[in-house]
Protein backbone atom coordinates (compact mmCIF):
# COMPACT_ATOMS: atom_id res chain seq x y z
CA MET A 1 -57.27 8.82 -96.24
CA SER A 2 -59.51 7.64 -93.94
CA ASP A 3 -63.39 6.96 -93.49
CA ASN A 4 -64.18 10.33 -93.67
CA GLY A 5 -61.93 11.57 -96.58
CA LEU A 6 -59.23 13.34 -94.47
CA PRO A 7 -56.34 12.49 -94.43
CA ALA A 8 -54.82 10.52 -91.80
CA GLY A 9 -52.83 11.62 -88.54
CA PRO A 10 -49.45 11.49 -87.56
CA PRO A 11 -49.14 8.30 -85.53
CA GLY A 12 -48.38 8.46 -81.83
CA GLY A 13 -51.18 10.76 -81.12
CA PRO A 14 -51.67 14.49 -81.26
CA ARG A 15 -49.47 17.15 -79.26
CA ILE A 16 -51.74 19.36 -76.88
CA LEU A 17 -51.25 22.48 -75.53
CA VAL A 18 -54.43 24.52 -73.34
CA VAL A 19 -53.54 28.41 -72.52
CA GLY A 20 -55.04 28.66 -69.07
CA ALA A 21 -55.73 26.75 -66.07
CA GLY A 22 -58.90 27.66 -65.06
CA PHE A 23 -61.99 26.38 -64.89
CA GLY A 24 -62.46 26.16 -69.16
CA GLY A 25 -58.80 25.56 -69.13
CA LEU A 26 -58.64 22.64 -67.00
CA GLY A 27 -62.18 21.41 -68.19
CA VAL A 28 -60.85 20.23 -71.37
CA VAL A 29 -57.70 18.51 -69.83
CA ARG A 30 -60.80 16.56 -67.97
CA ALA A 31 -62.35 15.82 -71.33
CA LEU A 32 -59.32 14.71 -73.07
CA HIS A 33 -58.32 12.42 -70.06
CA GLU A 34 -61.71 10.55 -70.95
CA GLN A 35 -60.33 9.83 -74.28
CA GLY A 36 -57.65 8.33 -73.41
CA LEU A 37 -55.62 11.36 -74.23
CA THR A 38 -52.37 12.41 -72.26
CA ASP A 39 -50.02 14.41 -74.16
CA ILE A 40 -51.15 17.35 -72.50
CA THR A 41 -49.88 20.55 -71.58
CA VAL A 42 -51.05 23.73 -69.73
CA LEU A 43 -49.35 26.88 -69.76
CA GLU A 44 -50.64 29.72 -67.15
CA ARG A 45 -48.99 33.43 -66.72
CA ALA A 46 -49.68 33.09 -63.14
CA GLY A 47 -47.94 30.73 -60.32
CA GLU A 48 -50.73 28.46 -59.86
CA ALA A 49 -54.28 27.58 -61.41
CA GLY A 50 -57.58 29.29 -60.85
CA GLY A 51 -58.42 31.84 -63.22
CA VAL A 52 -60.74 34.76 -62.32
CA TRP A 53 -60.96 32.52 -58.87
CA ARG A 54 -57.46 33.14 -58.19
CA ASP A 55 -57.20 36.67 -59.25
CA ASN A 56 -60.53 38.43 -58.01
CA THR A 57 -59.38 38.60 -54.31
CA TYR A 58 -61.06 41.61 -53.66
CA PRO A 59 -63.25 41.87 -50.33
CA GLY A 60 -66.89 40.43 -50.42
CA ALA A 61 -65.94 38.27 -53.98
CA ALA A 62 -68.14 35.57 -54.49
CA CYS A 63 -70.09 33.90 -57.65
CA ASP A 64 -73.19 35.13 -58.51
CA VAL A 65 -74.70 31.74 -59.67
CA PRO A 66 -75.92 28.78 -57.07
CA SER A 67 -72.60 26.80 -56.01
CA PRO A 68 -74.18 23.56 -56.89
CA LEU A 69 -74.78 24.72 -60.65
CA TYR A 70 -71.34 26.56 -60.58
CA SER A 71 -69.51 23.65 -60.24
CA TRP A 72 -68.08 20.84 -62.79
CA SER A 73 -70.86 18.17 -63.38
CA TRP A 74 -68.72 15.49 -62.69
CA ALA A 75 -67.30 17.00 -59.52
CA PRO A 76 -69.94 17.65 -57.28
CA ASN A 77 -69.45 18.80 -53.80
CA PRO A 78 -71.43 18.62 -50.77
CA GLU A 79 -69.25 20.69 -48.18
CA TRP A 80 -70.42 23.97 -50.35
CA GLY A 81 -70.65 26.31 -46.77
CA ARG A 82 -72.98 28.49 -49.13
CA ARG A 83 -75.37 28.32 -51.86
CA TYR A 84 -73.49 31.14 -53.16
CA SER A 85 -69.87 30.39 -52.46
CA PRO A 86 -67.19 32.78 -51.78
CA GLN A 87 -64.18 33.20 -53.75
CA PRO A 88 -61.46 31.47 -51.71
CA GLU A 89 -63.79 28.45 -51.27
CA ILE A 90 -64.60 28.07 -55.06
CA LEU A 91 -60.48 28.52 -55.39
CA ALA A 92 -60.21 25.95 -52.94
CA TYR A 93 -62.68 23.56 -54.92
CA LEU A 94 -61.01 23.96 -58.38
CA GLN A 95 -57.44 23.26 -57.02
CA ARG A 96 -58.76 20.54 -55.39
CA THR A 97 -60.75 18.89 -57.65
CA ALA A 98 -57.91 18.93 -60.49
CA ALA A 99 -55.38 17.97 -58.32
CA GLU A 100 -57.06 14.62 -57.43
CA HIS A 101 -58.01 14.38 -60.98
CA GLY A 102 -55.12 14.55 -62.29
CA LEU A 103 -55.50 17.74 -64.38
CA LEU A 104 -52.53 19.53 -62.95
CA ASP A 105 -49.81 16.69 -64.08
CA GLY A 106 -48.93 19.13 -67.27
CA LEU A 107 -49.34 22.45 -65.74
CA VAL A 108 -46.40 24.46 -66.60
CA THR A 109 -46.88 28.42 -64.32
CA GLY A 110 -45.24 31.33 -64.57
CA THR A 111 -45.64 31.46 -68.34
CA THR A 112 -47.33 33.62 -70.24
CA VAL A 113 -48.37 32.73 -74.00
CA THR A 114 -47.27 36.02 -76.31
CA GLY A 115 -47.86 34.75 -80.14
CA ALA A 116 -48.32 30.92 -82.21
CA ARG A 117 -47.45 30.54 -85.57
CA HIS A 118 -48.95 27.30 -87.65
CA GLU A 119 -45.59 26.23 -89.37
CA ASP A 120 -44.30 23.32 -90.56
CA GLY A 121 -47.45 21.29 -89.67
CA ALA A 122 -47.91 22.45 -86.45
CA TRP A 123 -48.60 25.30 -83.51
CA ARG A 124 -45.44 26.73 -82.65
CA VAL A 125 -46.49 29.05 -79.48
CA SER A 126 -44.00 31.51 -78.18
CA THR A 127 -44.50 32.43 -73.81
CA GLU A 128 -42.43 35.15 -71.46
CA VAL A 129 -41.31 33.86 -68.44
CA GLY A 130 -40.84 36.59 -65.78
CA GLY A 131 -40.64 39.52 -68.60
CA ALA A 132 -37.78 37.35 -70.37
CA PRO A 133 -38.68 35.34 -73.95
CA GLY A 134 -39.06 31.83 -72.74
CA PRO A 135 -38.93 28.48 -74.37
CA THR A 136 -41.10 27.91 -77.62
CA TYR A 137 -43.96 24.90 -77.96
CA ASP A 138 -44.50 22.98 -81.07
CA ALA A 139 -48.31 21.72 -80.93
CA ASP A 140 -50.86 19.57 -83.27
CA VAL A 141 -53.82 21.08 -81.18
CA LEU A 142 -53.90 24.51 -79.67
CA VAL A 143 -56.74 25.31 -77.38
CA LEU A 144 -57.18 28.89 -76.06
CA ALA A 145 -59.03 29.02 -72.65
CA THR A 146 -57.61 32.58 -71.92
CA GLY A 147 -61.78 33.94 -71.38
CA GLN A 148 -63.52 36.57 -71.89
CA LEU A 149 -63.05 38.24 -68.52
CA SER A 150 -59.13 38.38 -67.26
CA GLU A 151 -57.65 41.08 -68.80
CA PRO A 152 -58.86 43.87 -66.26
CA VAL A 153 -59.62 47.45 -67.66
CA VAL A 154 -58.63 50.88 -67.07
CA PRO A 155 -60.38 53.74 -68.73
CA ASP A 156 -57.66 56.00 -70.18
CA LEU A 157 -58.90 59.02 -68.33
CA PRO A 158 -57.52 62.29 -68.26
CA GLY A 159 -54.07 62.31 -65.70
CA ARG A 160 -55.29 58.47 -64.93
CA ASP A 161 -51.44 58.58 -63.61
CA ASP A 162 -51.43 61.51 -61.93
CA PHE A 163 -53.30 60.48 -59.13
CA ALA A 164 -51.17 60.95 -55.70
CA GLY A 165 -52.33 58.08 -53.81
CA PRO A 166 -52.77 54.20 -53.95
CA ALA A 167 -54.60 53.23 -57.32
CA PHE A 168 -56.27 49.55 -58.47
CA HIS A 169 -57.87 47.57 -60.34
CA SER A 170 -60.75 45.51 -58.56
CA ALA A 171 -59.03 42.57 -60.42
CA GLN A 172 -55.78 43.16 -58.94
CA TRP A 173 -56.58 44.18 -54.92
CA ARG A 174 -53.98 45.81 -53.35
CA HIS A 175 -54.40 43.96 -49.85
CA ASP A 176 -51.30 45.84 -48.80
CA VAL A 177 -53.29 49.35 -48.79
CA ASP A 178 -55.16 50.05 -45.48
CA LEU A 179 -58.63 51.52 -45.91
CA ARG A 180 -59.33 52.60 -42.48
CA GLY A 181 -59.91 55.51 -42.33
CA ARG A 182 -59.33 56.70 -45.65
CA ARG A 183 -61.83 58.26 -48.64
CA VAL A 184 -62.24 55.65 -51.26
CA ALA A 185 -63.39 56.21 -54.84
CA VAL A 186 -65.11 53.73 -56.62
CA LEU A 187 -65.18 53.86 -60.40
CA GLY A 188 -67.73 51.33 -61.58
CA THR A 189 -70.83 49.82 -60.40
CA GLY A 190 -70.71 46.24 -61.92
CA ALA A 191 -70.43 43.06 -60.87
CA SER A 192 -67.29 43.13 -58.46
CA ALA A 193 -68.59 46.83 -57.17
CA ILE A 194 -71.45 45.63 -55.86
CA GLN A 195 -69.54 43.27 -54.06
CA PHE A 196 -66.40 44.92 -52.39
CA VAL A 197 -67.97 48.26 -51.79
CA PRO A 198 -70.30 46.42 -48.67
CA GLY A 199 -66.70 44.54 -48.54
CA ILE A 200 -65.29 47.98 -47.64
CA ALA A 201 -67.72 50.04 -46.03
CA ASP A 202 -66.98 49.49 -42.70
CA ASP A 203 -63.63 50.64 -42.60
CA ALA A 204 -63.81 53.42 -44.90
CA ALA A 205 -64.20 56.73 -43.72
CA GLU A 206 -65.73 58.01 -46.93
CA ILE A 207 -66.60 55.78 -50.34
CA THR A 208 -67.69 58.13 -52.97
CA ILE A 209 -69.10 56.08 -56.13
CA PHE A 210 -68.74 57.17 -59.62
CA GLN A 211 -71.87 55.71 -61.52
CA ARG A 212 -71.69 55.32 -65.40
CA SER A 213 -75.07 53.62 -65.57
CA ALA A 214 -76.99 52.35 -62.67
CA PRO A 215 -77.13 48.58 -62.67
CA TYR A 216 -80.19 46.11 -61.68
CA VAL A 217 -80.02 44.85 -58.60
CA VAL A 218 -82.22 41.87 -57.54
CA PRO A 219 -82.40 40.41 -54.03
CA LYS A 220 -80.14 37.14 -53.89
CA PRO A 221 -81.74 33.96 -52.35
CA ASP A 222 -78.91 32.91 -50.60
CA GLN A 223 -78.38 30.82 -47.91
CA GLY A 224 -75.58 28.54 -45.34
CA TYR A 225 -74.95 25.31 -45.65
CA ALA A 226 -75.54 23.65 -42.15
CA PRO A 227 -73.84 20.68 -41.25
CA ARG A 228 -77.03 18.87 -41.43
CA HIS A 229 -77.09 19.82 -44.80
CA HIS A 230 -73.82 18.36 -45.30
CA ALA A 231 -74.64 15.09 -43.70
CA LEU A 232 -77.78 15.04 -46.31
CA PHE A 233 -75.89 15.50 -49.27
CA ARG A 234 -73.59 12.84 -48.62
CA ARG A 235 -75.50 10.13 -47.46
CA VAL A 236 -78.01 11.04 -50.81
CA PRO A 237 -75.90 12.49 -53.28
CA GLY A 238 -79.32 12.37 -55.01
CA LEU A 239 -80.66 15.93 -53.28
CA LEU A 240 -77.56 17.95 -54.67
CA ALA A 241 -78.01 16.63 -58.30
CA ALA A 242 -81.82 17.87 -57.86
CA GLU A 243 -80.82 21.29 -56.27
CA ARG A 244 -78.20 21.07 -59.59
CA ARG A 245 -81.39 20.83 -61.49
CA SER A 246 -83.21 22.89 -60.33
CA TRP A 247 -81.46 25.87 -60.66
CA PHE A 248 -80.18 24.98 -64.06
CA TRP A 249 -83.84 25.20 -64.65
CA VAL A 250 -84.68 28.40 -63.05
CA THR A 251 -81.28 29.52 -65.39
CA GLU A 252 -82.34 28.71 -68.31
CA GLN A 253 -85.94 30.12 -67.84
CA LEU A 254 -83.52 33.65 -67.48
CA ASN A 255 -81.83 32.74 -70.46
CA ALA A 256 -85.06 31.97 -72.46
CA ALA A 257 -86.00 35.41 -71.55
CA LEU A 258 -83.04 37.83 -72.53
CA ALA A 259 -82.98 35.58 -75.68
CA GLY A 260 -86.34 36.64 -76.45
CA GLU A 261 -88.60 33.63 -76.03
CA SER A 262 -91.99 35.21 -76.28
CA ARG A 263 -93.64 32.29 -73.44
CA VAL A 264 -91.24 33.82 -71.01
CA SER A 265 -89.53 37.21 -72.29
CA GLY A 266 -92.42 39.46 -71.16
CA PRO A 267 -93.93 37.74 -68.07
CA LEU A 268 -90.01 37.08 -66.55
CA ILE A 269 -88.74 40.47 -67.43
CA ARG A 270 -92.09 42.04 -65.81
CA ALA A 271 -91.58 39.90 -62.95
CA LEU A 272 -87.88 40.91 -62.32
CA GLU A 273 -88.29 44.74 -63.05
CA GLY A 274 -91.28 44.56 -60.11
CA ALA A 275 -88.69 42.81 -57.97
CA TRP A 276 -85.65 45.36 -58.78
CA ARG A 277 -88.56 48.29 -57.85
CA ALA A 278 -89.42 46.53 -54.46
CA HIS A 279 -86.02 46.01 -53.62
CA LEU A 280 -84.67 49.39 -54.42
CA ARG A 281 -87.82 50.81 -52.60
CA LEU A 282 -87.72 48.87 -49.71
CA ARG A 283 -84.02 49.40 -49.35
CA VAL A 284 -83.26 52.86 -49.99
CA ARG A 285 -84.85 55.32 -47.84
CA ASP A 286 -83.44 58.57 -49.71
CA PRO A 287 -85.54 59.55 -52.99
CA GLN A 288 -83.15 61.67 -54.19
CA LEU A 289 -80.68 58.40 -54.06
CA ARG A 290 -83.41 56.26 -55.61
CA ALA A 291 -83.66 58.68 -58.29
CA ARG A 292 -79.91 58.58 -59.35
CA LEU A 293 -79.96 54.34 -58.81
CA VAL A 294 -83.10 53.66 -61.60
CA PRO A 295 -81.36 52.20 -64.81
CA ASP A 296 -81.52 54.34 -68.38
CA TYR A 297 -81.87 51.12 -70.01
CA PRO A 298 -83.96 47.98 -70.50
CA LEU A 299 -83.36 45.24 -68.14
CA GLY A 300 -81.29 42.83 -69.50
CA CYS A 301 -78.84 45.22 -71.94
CA LYS A 302 -76.21 44.69 -68.66
CA ARG A 303 -75.90 41.26 -66.59
CA LEU A 304 -78.64 41.52 -64.07
CA LEU A 305 -76.60 42.00 -60.13
CA PHE A 306 -77.44 39.70 -57.67
CA SER A 307 -77.25 41.55 -53.67
CA ASN A 308 -79.01 41.60 -50.53
CA ASP A 309 -76.26 44.58 -49.04
CA TRP A 310 -75.85 46.43 -52.03
CA TYR A 311 -78.75 49.17 -51.75
CA PRO A 312 -78.32 49.22 -48.04
CA THR A 313 -74.62 49.92 -48.17
CA LEU A 314 -75.59 53.11 -50.61
CA ASP A 315 -78.25 54.27 -47.99
CA ARG A 316 -75.07 54.50 -45.49
CA PRO A 317 -74.33 58.39 -44.56
CA HIS A 318 -70.80 58.03 -45.51
CA VAL A 319 -71.27 56.44 -49.10
CA ASP A 320 -72.15 58.87 -52.12
CA VAL A 321 -73.27 58.09 -55.65
CA VAL A 322 -71.81 60.51 -57.88
CA ALA A 323 -73.99 60.12 -61.31
CA GLU A 324 -71.85 63.26 -62.87
CA ALA A 325 -69.50 62.05 -65.80
CA VAL A 326 -65.97 61.63 -64.92
CA THR A 327 -63.72 64.02 -67.05
CA GLY A 328 -60.46 63.50 -65.28
CA VAL A 329 -58.22 62.04 -62.24
CA GLU A 330 -56.25 64.50 -60.59
CA ALA A 331 -53.30 63.74 -58.11
CA ALA A 332 -55.95 64.75 -54.89
CA GLY A 333 -58.89 63.12 -56.60
CA VAL A 334 -61.51 62.64 -59.53
CA ARG A 335 -63.06 65.72 -61.16
CA THR A 336 -66.50 65.53 -62.95
CA ALA A 337 -68.19 67.25 -65.55
CA ASP A 338 -70.00 69.72 -63.00
CA GLY A 339 -66.13 70.94 -62.19
CA HIS A 340 -66.05 69.76 -58.96
CA LEU A 341 -63.07 68.05 -57.48
CA HIS A 342 -64.23 65.29 -55.15
CA GLU A 343 -60.96 64.39 -53.16
CA VAL A 344 -59.89 61.03 -51.95
CA ASP A 345 -57.34 58.88 -50.58
CA VAL A 346 -57.68 56.34 -52.13
CA LEU A 347 -58.86 55.44 -55.99
CA VAL A 348 -60.34 51.53 -56.78
CA TRP A 349 -61.01 50.82 -60.77
CA GLY A 350 -64.63 48.82 -60.70
CA THR A 351 -64.41 48.94 -64.10
CA GLY A 352 -64.48 45.63 -65.82
CA PHE A 353 -63.12 43.77 -68.42
CA ALA A 354 -61.49 43.33 -71.71
CA ALA A 355 -64.61 41.19 -72.56
CA THR A 356 -64.92 42.14 -76.23
CA ASP A 357 -60.96 42.36 -76.77
CA PHE A 358 -60.64 38.41 -77.34
CA LEU A 359 -57.09 37.10 -76.97
CA ARG A 360 -55.64 40.49 -76.48
CA GLY A 361 -51.93 40.50 -76.40
CA LEU A 362 -51.65 36.96 -77.77
CA ASP A 363 -50.55 37.32 -81.96
CA VAL A 364 -52.06 34.13 -83.71
CA VAL A 365 -50.97 32.96 -87.03
CA ALA A 366 -52.44 30.94 -89.82
CA PRO A 367 -50.48 28.42 -92.24
CA ASP A 368 -50.92 31.22 -94.50
CA GLY A 369 -49.64 34.01 -92.86
CA GLN A 370 -53.33 35.56 -91.95
CA HIS A 371 -53.44 36.79 -88.50
CA LEU A 372 -56.54 36.32 -86.02
CA ALA A 373 -56.24 39.95 -85.38
CA ASP A 374 -57.16 40.59 -88.92
CA VAL A 375 -59.69 38.57 -89.31
CA TRP A 376 -61.15 39.47 -86.34
CA THR A 377 -61.68 43.11 -87.97
CA GLY A 378 -65.03 44.26 -86.76
CA GLY A 379 -65.91 42.08 -84.47
CA ALA A 380 -64.85 38.45 -83.15
CA ARG A 381 -66.59 35.62 -84.15
CA ALA A 382 -66.04 31.45 -84.49
CA HIS A 383 -68.18 28.48 -85.18
CA LEU A 384 -70.00 27.29 -81.89
CA GLY A 385 -67.38 29.62 -80.20
CA MET A 386 -64.61 27.48 -81.16
CA GLY A 387 -63.58 27.60 -84.38
CA VAL A 388 -61.74 29.71 -87.45
CA PRO A 389 -61.25 28.86 -90.88
CA GLY A 390 -57.62 28.59 -92.42
CA PHE A 391 -56.55 28.06 -88.52
CA PRO A 392 -55.87 24.31 -88.15
CA ASN A 393 -56.69 22.03 -84.90
CA LEU A 394 -57.31 25.73 -83.07
CA PHE A 395 -60.32 26.49 -80.26
CA SER A 396 -61.12 28.54 -78.26
CA ILE A 397 -62.94 27.86 -75.22
CA TYR A 398 -65.58 30.74 -73.73
CA GLY A 399 -64.69 32.71 -76.66
CA PRO A 400 -67.05 34.61 -79.37
CA ASN A 401 -71.06 33.85 -78.57
CA THR A 402 -70.60 32.17 -75.68
CA ASN A 403 -71.28 34.25 -72.93
CA LEU A 404 -74.20 34.04 -70.96
CA GLY A 405 -76.91 36.45 -69.11
CA GLY A 406 -78.13 33.81 -67.04
CA SER A 407 -76.71 30.27 -65.85
CA SER A 408 -73.47 28.79 -64.83
CA ILE A 409 -70.61 29.11 -67.53
CA ILE A 410 -69.05 26.39 -66.63
CA ALA A 411 -72.01 24.00 -68.31
CA MET A 412 -70.81 26.14 -71.50
CA MET A 413 -67.22 25.43 -71.33
CA GLU A 414 -67.98 21.91 -70.21
CA ALA A 415 -69.80 21.33 -73.36
CA GLN A 416 -67.00 22.77 -75.33
CA ALA A 417 -64.49 20.63 -74.00
CA GLY A 418 -66.61 17.30 -74.65
CA TYR A 419 -66.14 18.95 -78.72
CA VAL A 420 -62.57 19.24 -78.34
CA ALA A 421 -61.85 15.96 -77.44
CA GLN A 422 -63.66 14.37 -79.94
CA VAL A 423 -61.78 16.21 -82.60
CA ALA A 424 -58.48 15.60 -80.52
CA ARG A 425 -59.21 11.76 -80.18
CA ARG A 426 -60.13 11.45 -84.04
CA LEU A 427 -56.81 12.99 -84.71
CA ALA A 428 -55.30 10.50 -82.50
CA ASP A 429 -56.86 7.69 -84.18
CA GLY A 430 -55.70 8.66 -87.55
CA GLY A 431 -59.16 9.85 -88.49
CA ALA A 432 -57.70 13.10 -89.48
CA ARG A 433 -54.29 15.33 -89.36
CA ALA A 434 -55.57 19.00 -89.47
CA VAL A 435 -59.14 20.76 -89.63
CA ALA A 436 -61.16 23.61 -89.02
CA PRO A 437 -64.33 25.14 -89.52
CA ARG A 438 -65.45 25.33 -93.42
CA ALA A 439 -65.59 28.99 -94.38
CA GLU A 440 -69.49 28.67 -95.90
CA VAL A 441 -70.06 27.15 -92.50
CA TRP A 442 -68.68 29.80 -89.82
CA GLU A 443 -70.32 32.59 -92.33
CA ALA A 444 -73.77 30.77 -91.87
CA TYR A 445 -73.05 30.51 -88.29
CA ASP A 446 -72.21 34.06 -87.89
CA ARG A 447 -75.70 35.33 -89.78
CA GLU A 448 -77.61 32.87 -87.44
CA MET A 449 -76.00 34.26 -84.46
CA GLN A 450 -76.32 37.97 -85.19
CA SER A 451 -80.07 37.48 -86.41
CA ARG A 452 -81.05 35.77 -83.65
CA LEU A 453 -78.85 38.35 -80.98
CA SER A 454 -81.10 40.99 -83.20
CA THR A 455 -84.02 39.58 -81.49
CA SER A 456 -83.21 39.54 -78.02
CA VAL A 457 -83.14 41.96 -75.16
CA TRP A 458 -79.60 42.51 -76.43
CA ALA A 459 -79.94 44.37 -79.54
CA GLY A 460 -79.57 48.04 -79.38
CA CYS A 461 -77.96 47.45 -76.51
CA THR A 462 -74.76 50.07 -75.90
CA SER A 463 -73.03 47.90 -73.65
CA TRP A 464 -70.06 45.72 -72.93
CA TYR A 465 -72.09 42.60 -74.36
CA THR A 466 -71.23 44.75 -78.20
CA ASP A 467 -68.31 45.63 -80.64
CA GLY A 468 -69.55 48.23 -82.66
CA ALA A 469 -72.64 47.02 -84.41
CA ARG A 470 -71.86 43.21 -83.53
CA ILE A 471 -72.63 41.46 -80.52
CA THR A 472 -69.71 39.38 -79.90
CA THR A 473 -70.06 38.01 -76.82
CA ASN A 474 -73.52 36.69 -75.39
CA TRP A 475 -75.35 33.05 -76.72
CA PRO A 476 -78.05 33.58 -78.00
CA GLY A 477 -80.54 30.79 -76.80
CA LEU A 478 -80.16 28.03 -73.58
CA VAL A 479 -77.56 26.17 -72.16
CA ALA A 480 -79.09 23.17 -72.94
CA GLU A 481 -79.19 24.22 -77.18
CA TYR A 482 -75.71 24.52 -77.08
CA GLN A 483 -75.08 21.37 -75.25
CA ARG A 484 -77.27 19.56 -78.08
CA ARG A 485 -75.39 21.02 -80.95
CA THR A 486 -71.73 20.48 -79.76
CA ALA A 487 -73.25 16.87 -78.24
CA GLU A 488 -71.23 14.79 -81.43
CA VAL A 489 -68.84 16.67 -84.09
CA ASP A 490 -70.41 17.05 -87.70
CA TRP A 491 -67.52 16.31 -89.60
CA SER A 492 -68.83 17.54 -92.43
CA GLU A 493 -68.50 21.04 -91.18
CA LEU A 494 -64.92 20.57 -90.94
CA GLU A 495 -62.18 20.61 -93.76
CA GLU A 496 -58.74 19.56 -94.12
CA VAL A 497 -56.32 23.06 -93.80
CA CYS A 498 -53.24 21.31 -93.85
């Protein structure tokens, strides 16, 4: 027995398997290395590391969090080209930094994980390679870092497959499709659409945007970093750290407002609404178009968006916003509820991701035979967003109730990575063999999350933040609070599973 009352783990340390090679998965590898653990395999379904920044290559793709904050805390980058970096630069940073720190040494690409079953004291992970059954991997610790924004969603509209022209999701951009001089339909007005629509506006002959609900869009305080900035950041590293701290403070105020903290919620929400109204009035001249661009829900129910060119693009003569509901797709175009057929040549789905469908397509089975999908019927939930009772040494990164309405998700994932690494280190030291949250701890944590979320701006919102009556994606507090709660593992919250 160990000093914490749990049976000792196997000699030689745990075999660790990480699924996903984005910021979350590679951040776990870094934390494990810091704990002296190296028996790590990372499985990635694509051909290279990168996560969402590898997959989303649409025109204008960029981050809506300032790059000094949207980066690993242990790898500051004095060479960012802009405050809000574009996709190629973020991907290059991720891949370069991962290579420099040895995080790609155990990476296996082109391998899709299809299931994981805990048997004979370990996780047996099944895979596919090239559409055929792939090798099976055994692991003592399984870390699922597949994220909330990895599975694109295309609505099941009548006639969806009847469209005669090219049709693709923004996360699977068809760069072989030439949009010059063509009529383009865009379904959706979310975080991706407000970037790629301006990005294609100079090429397309016509753009018809089908809007289910208008987003709140405020100005983006972007700027380019000149060579003098880079030189100054290199000579005085504290300046870059100070900018990171400043943006962290600013975004934490937004988190506090969305969480319903009275000291900032009312004033800040009103200030953001004022910024949105002024931005809309100044950038859209047509009063009828402005009326269509007014959201029909409170600010915060969906992610607040930042853009300087979305509204001006919508005000261009060859761009139209259709607020009528889409009823179907036909060979020649998109049909709306008023009976009108909007004829187009290309259809782009800007319809987001299966954010509430955690671990989509991955069957995870506990030692007693229960399926994680069954445990999550009615909404996913995990202790600290990571662990589930009865599922030993299983952790999710960017799991249930860890998403943010503001700030950088990388900070949340780094906190999770540190927690997972502590557990793995204890396993290596013989302090435990296989642990999972106690059921009562898991249930109490979920009650806390739902109770706190019920007083947040997300309460009652009909949006992608919810899964039925439960809010399954968002964290109801500050990033700093989550960091404090995960900084040291509370071993009394865990129990031996098998």
